[in-house]
């Protein structure tokens, strides 16, 4: 007997946001950080985890922003959770910190 697709499907959060749908609960989520797509098996990750996934190390030298459909990018702290099942989350963008930021 086959399992329903919902147990093994990969949900693309950007596609859900474009359609105006909240991503359903799934085993895996396809997220986009900058121009790269990643498949993860958790419904949320911290800013630190997202930066490491994108190869931005050490994560303390970068910022990450969550782009929500129809709104401005919102910065995610290193220890703050980004919820992939939240309505409207499209993608994430990283930025290097200025050399002067955090050097005090």
N, C-alpha and C. Protein backbone atom coordinates (compact mmCIF):
# COMPACT_ATOMS: atom_id res chain seq x y z
N UNK A 1 0.84 -1.19 0.00
CA UNK A 1 0.00 0.00 0.00
C UNK A 1 0.89 1.25 0.00
N UNK A 2 0.57 2.21 -0.83
CA UNK A 2 1.40 3.41 -0.91
C UNK A 2 0.95 4.44 0.11
N UNK A 3 1.91 5.19 0.54
CA UNK A 3 1.64 6.26 1.50
C UNK A 3 1.11 7.48 0.75
N UNK A 4 0.31 8.32 1.38
CA UNK A 4 -0.13 9.55 0.72
C UNK A 4 1.08 10.44 0.43
N UNK A 5 0.99 11.22 -0.64
CA UNK A 5 2.10 12.10 -1.04
C UNK A 5 2.52 13.06 0.06
N UNK A 6 1.61 13.44 0.93
CA UNK A 6 1.93 14.45 1.94
C UNK A 6 3.03 13.99 2.89
N UNK A 7 3.26 12.71 3.05
CA UNK A 7 4.27 12.26 3.99
C UNK A 7 5.68 12.38 3.43
N UNK A 8 5.84 12.31 2.11
CA UNK A 8 7.17 12.35 1.53
C UNK A 8 7.42 13.58 0.67
N UNK A 9 6.42 14.39 0.49
CA UNK A 9 6.58 15.50 -0.43
C UNK A 9 7.53 16.56 0.09
N UNK A 10 8.12 17.26 -0.86
CA UNK A 10 8.96 18.41 -0.54
C UNK A 10 8.12 19.64 -0.85
N UNK A 11 7.93 20.49 0.15
CA UNK A 11 7.15 21.70 -0.02
C UNK A 11 8.10 22.86 -0.34
N UNK A 12 7.85 23.52 -1.46
CA UNK A 12 8.63 24.69 -1.86
C UNK A 12 7.96 25.92 -1.26
N UNK A 13 8.60 26.52 -0.25
CA UNK A 13 7.95 27.63 0.46
C UNK A 13 7.77 28.85 -0.44
N UNK A 14 8.68 29.06 -1.38
CA UNK A 14 8.57 30.20 -2.28
C UNK A 14 7.33 30.06 -3.18
N UNK A 15 7.09 28.84 -3.68
CA UNK A 15 5.91 28.59 -4.52
C UNK A 15 4.63 28.81 -3.72
N UNK A 16 4.61 28.36 -2.48
CA UNK A 16 3.44 28.56 -1.62
C UNK A 16 3.18 30.05 -1.43
N UNK A 17 4.23 30.82 -1.18
CA UNK A 17 4.08 32.26 -0.96
C UNK A 17 3.52 32.95 -2.20
N UNK A 18 4.04 32.55 -3.37
CA UNK A 18 3.56 33.16 -4.62
C UNK A 18 2.08 32.88 -4.85
N UNK A 19 1.60 31.72 -4.39
CA UNK A 19 0.19 31.35 -4.55
C UNK A 19 -0.67 31.90 -3.42
N UNK A 20 -0.02 32.49 -2.40
CA UNK A 20 -0.76 33.02 -1.27
C UNK A 20 -1.23 31.96 -0.29
N UNK A 21 -0.54 30.81 -0.29
CA UNK A 21 -0.91 29.69 0.60
C UNK A 21 0.11 29.55 1.72
N UNK A 22 -0.36 29.10 2.85
CA UNK A 22 0.54 28.74 3.96
C UNK A 22 1.13 27.38 3.62
N UNK A 23 2.46 27.21 3.73
CA UNK A 23 3.04 25.89 3.46
C UNK A 23 2.46 24.83 4.40
N UNK A 24 2.05 23.69 3.85
CA UNK A 24 1.51 22.62 4.72
C UNK A 24 2.64 21.94 5.48
N UNK A 25 2.27 21.23 6.52
CA UNK A 25 3.27 20.45 7.25
C UNK A 25 3.78 19.37 6.30
N UNK A 26 5.10 19.19 6.29
CA UNK A 26 5.70 18.22 5.39
C UNK A 26 6.96 17.66 6.03
N UNK A 27 7.48 16.60 5.43
CA UNK A 27 8.74 16.03 5.94
C UNK A 27 9.92 16.90 5.55
N UNK A 28 9.82 17.55 4.36
CA UNK A 28 10.94 18.36 3.89
C UNK A 28 10.43 19.65 3.26
N UNK A 29 11.28 20.67 3.33
CA UNK A 29 10.95 21.98 2.78
C UNK A 29 12.08 22.44 1.86
N UNK A 30 11.68 23.02 0.72
CA UNK A 30 12.67 23.61 -0.18
C UNK A 30 12.67 25.11 0.11
N UNK A 31 13.84 25.60 0.51
CA UNK A 31 13.99 27.03 0.82
C UNK A 31 15.04 27.61 -0.11
N UNK A 32 14.98 28.93 -0.29
CA UNK A 32 15.99 29.59 -1.12
C UNK A 32 16.74 30.59 -0.25
N UNK A 33 18.06 30.48 -0.29
CA UNK A 33 18.93 31.45 0.38
C UNK A 33 19.78 32.05 -0.72
N UNK A 34 19.66 33.36 -0.91
CA UNK A 34 20.26 34.06 -2.03
C UNK A 34 19.74 33.40 -3.31
N UNK A 35 20.59 32.86 -4.17
CA UNK A 35 20.11 32.25 -5.42
C UNK A 35 20.07 30.73 -5.36
N UNK A 36 20.52 30.16 -4.24
CA UNK A 36 20.60 28.70 -4.11
C UNK A 36 19.37 28.14 -3.40
N UNK A 37 18.93 26.96 -3.84
CA UNK A 37 17.82 26.27 -3.18
C UNK A 37 18.38 25.12 -2.36
N UNK A 38 17.78 24.91 -1.19
CA UNK A 38 18.19 23.85 -0.27
C UNK A 38 16.95 23.10 0.18
N UNK A 39 17.09 21.80 0.40
CA UNK A 39 16.00 21.00 0.95
C UNK A 39 16.38 20.64 2.37
N UNK A 40 15.50 20.99 3.31
CA UNK A 40 15.76 20.73 4.73
C UNK A 40 14.62 19.88 5.29
N UNK A 41 14.91 19.15 6.37
CA UNK A 41 13.90 18.25 6.93
C UNK A 41 13.36 18.74 8.26
N UNK A 42 13.38 20.05 8.46
CA UNK A 42 12.81 20.66 9.67
C UNK A 42 11.92 21.84 9.25
N UNK A 43 10.88 22.16 10.03
CA UNK A 43 9.99 23.26 9.66
C UNK A 43 10.49 24.65 10.07
N UNK A 44 11.64 24.71 10.77
CA UNK A 44 12.19 26.00 11.19
C UNK A 44 13.68 25.84 11.46
N UNK A 45 14.43 26.92 11.26
CA UNK A 45 15.87 26.92 11.56
C UNK A 45 16.23 28.29 12.11
N UNK A 46 17.32 28.33 12.88
CA UNK A 46 17.78 29.62 13.40
C UNK A 46 18.56 30.36 12.30
N UNK A 47 18.73 31.64 12.51
CA UNK A 47 19.54 32.42 11.58
C UNK A 47 20.93 31.83 11.43
N UNK A 48 21.51 31.39 12.53
CA UNK A 48 22.84 30.77 12.52
C UNK A 48 22.85 29.51 11.64
N UNK A 49 21.84 28.66 11.80
CA UNK A 49 21.75 27.43 11.01
C UNK A 49 21.59 27.74 9.52
N UNK A 50 20.78 28.75 9.20
CA UNK A 50 20.58 29.13 7.80
C UNK A 50 21.88 29.65 7.18
N UNK A 51 22.61 30.47 7.94
CA UNK A 51 23.88 31.00 7.43
C UNK A 51 24.89 29.88 7.20
N UNK A 52 24.96 28.94 8.13
CA UNK A 52 25.88 27.80 7.96
C UNK A 52 25.48 26.96 6.75
N UNK A 53 24.18 26.74 6.57
CA UNK A 53 23.69 25.99 5.42
C UNK A 53 24.12 26.65 4.12
N UNK A 54 24.10 27.97 4.11
CA UNK A 54 24.48 28.72 2.91
C UNK A 54 26.00 28.89 2.77
N UNK A 55 26.76 28.32 3.71
CA UNK A 55 28.22 28.42 3.65
C UNK A 55 28.77 29.75 4.11
N UNK A 56 27.97 30.51 4.84
CA UNK A 56 28.41 31.82 5.35
C UNK A 56 29.00 31.64 6.74
N UNK A 57 30.31 31.38 6.78
CA UNK A 57 30.97 31.15 8.06
C UNK A 57 32.15 32.09 8.23
N UNK A 58 32.42 32.51 9.46
CA UNK A 58 31.58 32.27 10.63
C UNK A 58 30.28 33.07 10.52
N UNK A 59 29.17 32.51 11.00
CA UNK A 59 27.88 33.20 10.85
C UNK A 59 27.83 34.57 11.51
N UNK A 60 28.69 34.78 12.51
CA UNK A 60 28.70 36.08 13.20
C UNK A 60 29.14 37.23 12.28
N UNK A 61 29.68 36.91 11.13
CA UNK A 61 30.12 37.95 10.18
C UNK A 61 29.08 38.27 9.12
N UNK A 62 27.88 37.69 9.27
CA UNK A 62 26.83 37.89 8.27
C UNK A 62 25.50 38.21 8.94
N UNK A 63 24.62 38.82 8.14
CA UNK A 63 23.22 39.03 8.53
C UNK A 63 22.38 38.19 7.59
N UNK A 64 21.22 37.78 8.05
CA UNK A 64 20.29 37.09 7.17
C UNK A 64 18.92 37.73 7.32
N UNK A 65 18.26 37.95 6.20
CA UNK A 65 16.93 38.56 6.17
C UNK A 65 15.93 37.58 5.57
N UNK A 66 14.72 37.61 6.11
CA UNK A 66 13.61 36.81 5.61
C UNK A 66 12.77 37.73 4.73
N UNK A 67 12.49 37.29 3.50
CA UNK A 67 11.63 38.07 2.60
C UNK A 67 10.23 37.48 2.66
N UNK A 68 9.28 38.31 3.10
CA UNK A 68 7.89 37.89 3.19
C UNK A 68 7.13 38.59 2.07
N UNK A 69 6.29 37.84 1.38
CA UNK A 69 5.54 38.38 0.24
C UNK A 69 4.79 39.65 0.62
N UNK A 70 5.02 40.71 -0.17
CA UNK A 70 4.31 41.96 0.04
C UNK A 70 4.85 42.82 1.16
N UNK A 71 5.94 42.40 1.79
CA UNK A 71 6.47 43.19 2.90
C UNK A 71 7.98 43.39 2.76
N UNK A 72 8.53 44.22 3.62
CA UNK A 72 9.97 44.45 3.58
C UNK A 72 10.73 43.26 4.18
N UNK A 73 12.00 43.09 3.81
CA UNK A 73 12.80 42.03 4.42
C UNK A 73 12.94 42.28 5.93
N UNK A 74 12.93 41.20 6.68
CA UNK A 74 13.04 41.29 8.14
C UNK A 74 14.30 40.54 8.56
N UNK A 75 15.15 41.20 9.35
CA UNK A 75 16.37 40.55 9.81
C UNK A 75 16.03 39.45 10.82
N UNK A 76 16.74 38.34 10.69
CA UNK A 76 16.60 37.22 11.62
C UNK A 76 17.87 37.17 12.45
N UNK A 77 17.74 37.20 13.76
CA UNK A 77 18.91 37.11 14.62
C UNK A 77 19.54 35.72 14.54
N UNK A 78 20.79 35.62 14.94
CA UNK A 78 21.50 34.34 14.87
C UNK A 78 20.77 33.23 15.62
N UNK A 79 20.18 33.57 16.76
CA UNK A 79 19.50 32.56 17.57
C UNK A 79 17.98 32.63 17.46
N UNK A 80 17.50 33.41 16.50
CA UNK A 80 16.05 33.55 16.27
C UNK A 80 15.59 32.51 15.25
N UNK A 81 14.42 31.93 15.46
CA UNK A 81 13.90 30.91 14.55
C UNK A 81 13.17 31.53 13.36
N UNK A 82 13.45 31.00 12.18
CA UNK A 82 12.71 31.32 10.97
C UNK A 82 11.77 30.15 10.73
N UNK A 83 10.48 30.41 10.71
CA UNK A 83 9.46 29.37 10.57
C UNK A 83 9.08 29.24 9.10
N UNK A 84 9.37 28.09 8.48
CA UNK A 84 9.09 27.87 7.07
C UNK A 84 7.61 27.63 6.80
N UNK A 85 6.82 27.40 7.85
CA UNK A 85 5.39 27.15 7.66
C UNK A 85 4.56 28.43 7.83
N UNK A 86 5.24 29.56 8.05
CA UNK A 86 4.55 30.84 8.22
C UNK A 86 4.05 31.33 6.85
N UNK A 87 2.88 31.90 6.83
CA UNK A 87 2.29 32.41 5.60
C UNK A 87 3.15 33.51 4.99
N UNK A 88 3.45 33.39 3.70
CA UNK A 88 4.11 34.45 2.96
C UNK A 88 5.62 34.42 2.91
N UNK A 89 6.28 33.52 3.64
CA UNK A 89 7.75 33.47 3.62
C UNK A 89 8.19 32.98 2.24
N UNK A 90 8.97 33.83 1.54
CA UNK A 90 9.41 33.49 0.19
C UNK A 90 10.82 32.93 0.15
N UNK A 91 11.75 33.69 0.74
CA UNK A 91 13.17 33.32 0.63
C UNK A 91 13.98 34.07 1.68
N UNK A 92 15.30 33.80 1.66
CA UNK A 92 16.22 34.42 2.61
C UNK A 92 17.38 35.03 1.84
N UNK A 93 17.93 36.10 2.40
CA UNK A 93 19.05 36.78 1.76
C UNK A 93 20.11 37.07 2.81
N UNK A 94 21.35 36.81 2.45
CA UNK A 94 22.45 37.07 3.38
C UNK A 94 23.22 38.30 2.95
N UNK A 95 23.80 38.96 3.93
CA UNK A 95 24.65 40.12 3.67
C UNK A 95 25.84 40.07 4.62
N UNK A 96 27.04 40.35 4.10
CA UNK A 96 28.18 40.41 5.02
C UNK A 96 28.05 41.65 5.90
N UNK A 97 28.47 41.53 7.14
CA UNK A 97 28.48 42.70 8.02
C UNK A 97 29.62 43.62 7.59
N UNK A 98 29.42 44.91 7.78
CA UNK A 98 30.52 45.86 7.53
C UNK A 98 31.66 45.54 8.46
N UNK A 99 32.86 45.82 8.04
CA UNK A 99 34.04 45.53 8.87
C UNK A 99 33.96 46.25 10.22
N UNK A 100 33.28 47.41 10.25
CA UNK A 100 33.20 48.19 11.49
C UNK A 100 32.11 47.66 12.42
N UNK A 101 31.09 46.96 11.89
CA UNK A 101 30.01 46.47 12.74
C UNK A 101 30.50 45.34 13.63
N UNK A 102 30.16 45.41 14.88
CA UNK A 102 30.50 44.33 15.81
C UNK A 102 31.95 44.32 16.28
N UNK A 103 32.72 45.33 15.90
CA UNK A 103 34.13 45.37 16.29
C UNK A 103 34.37 46.25 17.51
N UNK A 104 33.35 46.57 18.25
CA UNK A 104 33.57 47.48 19.39
C UNK A 104 33.99 46.74 20.63
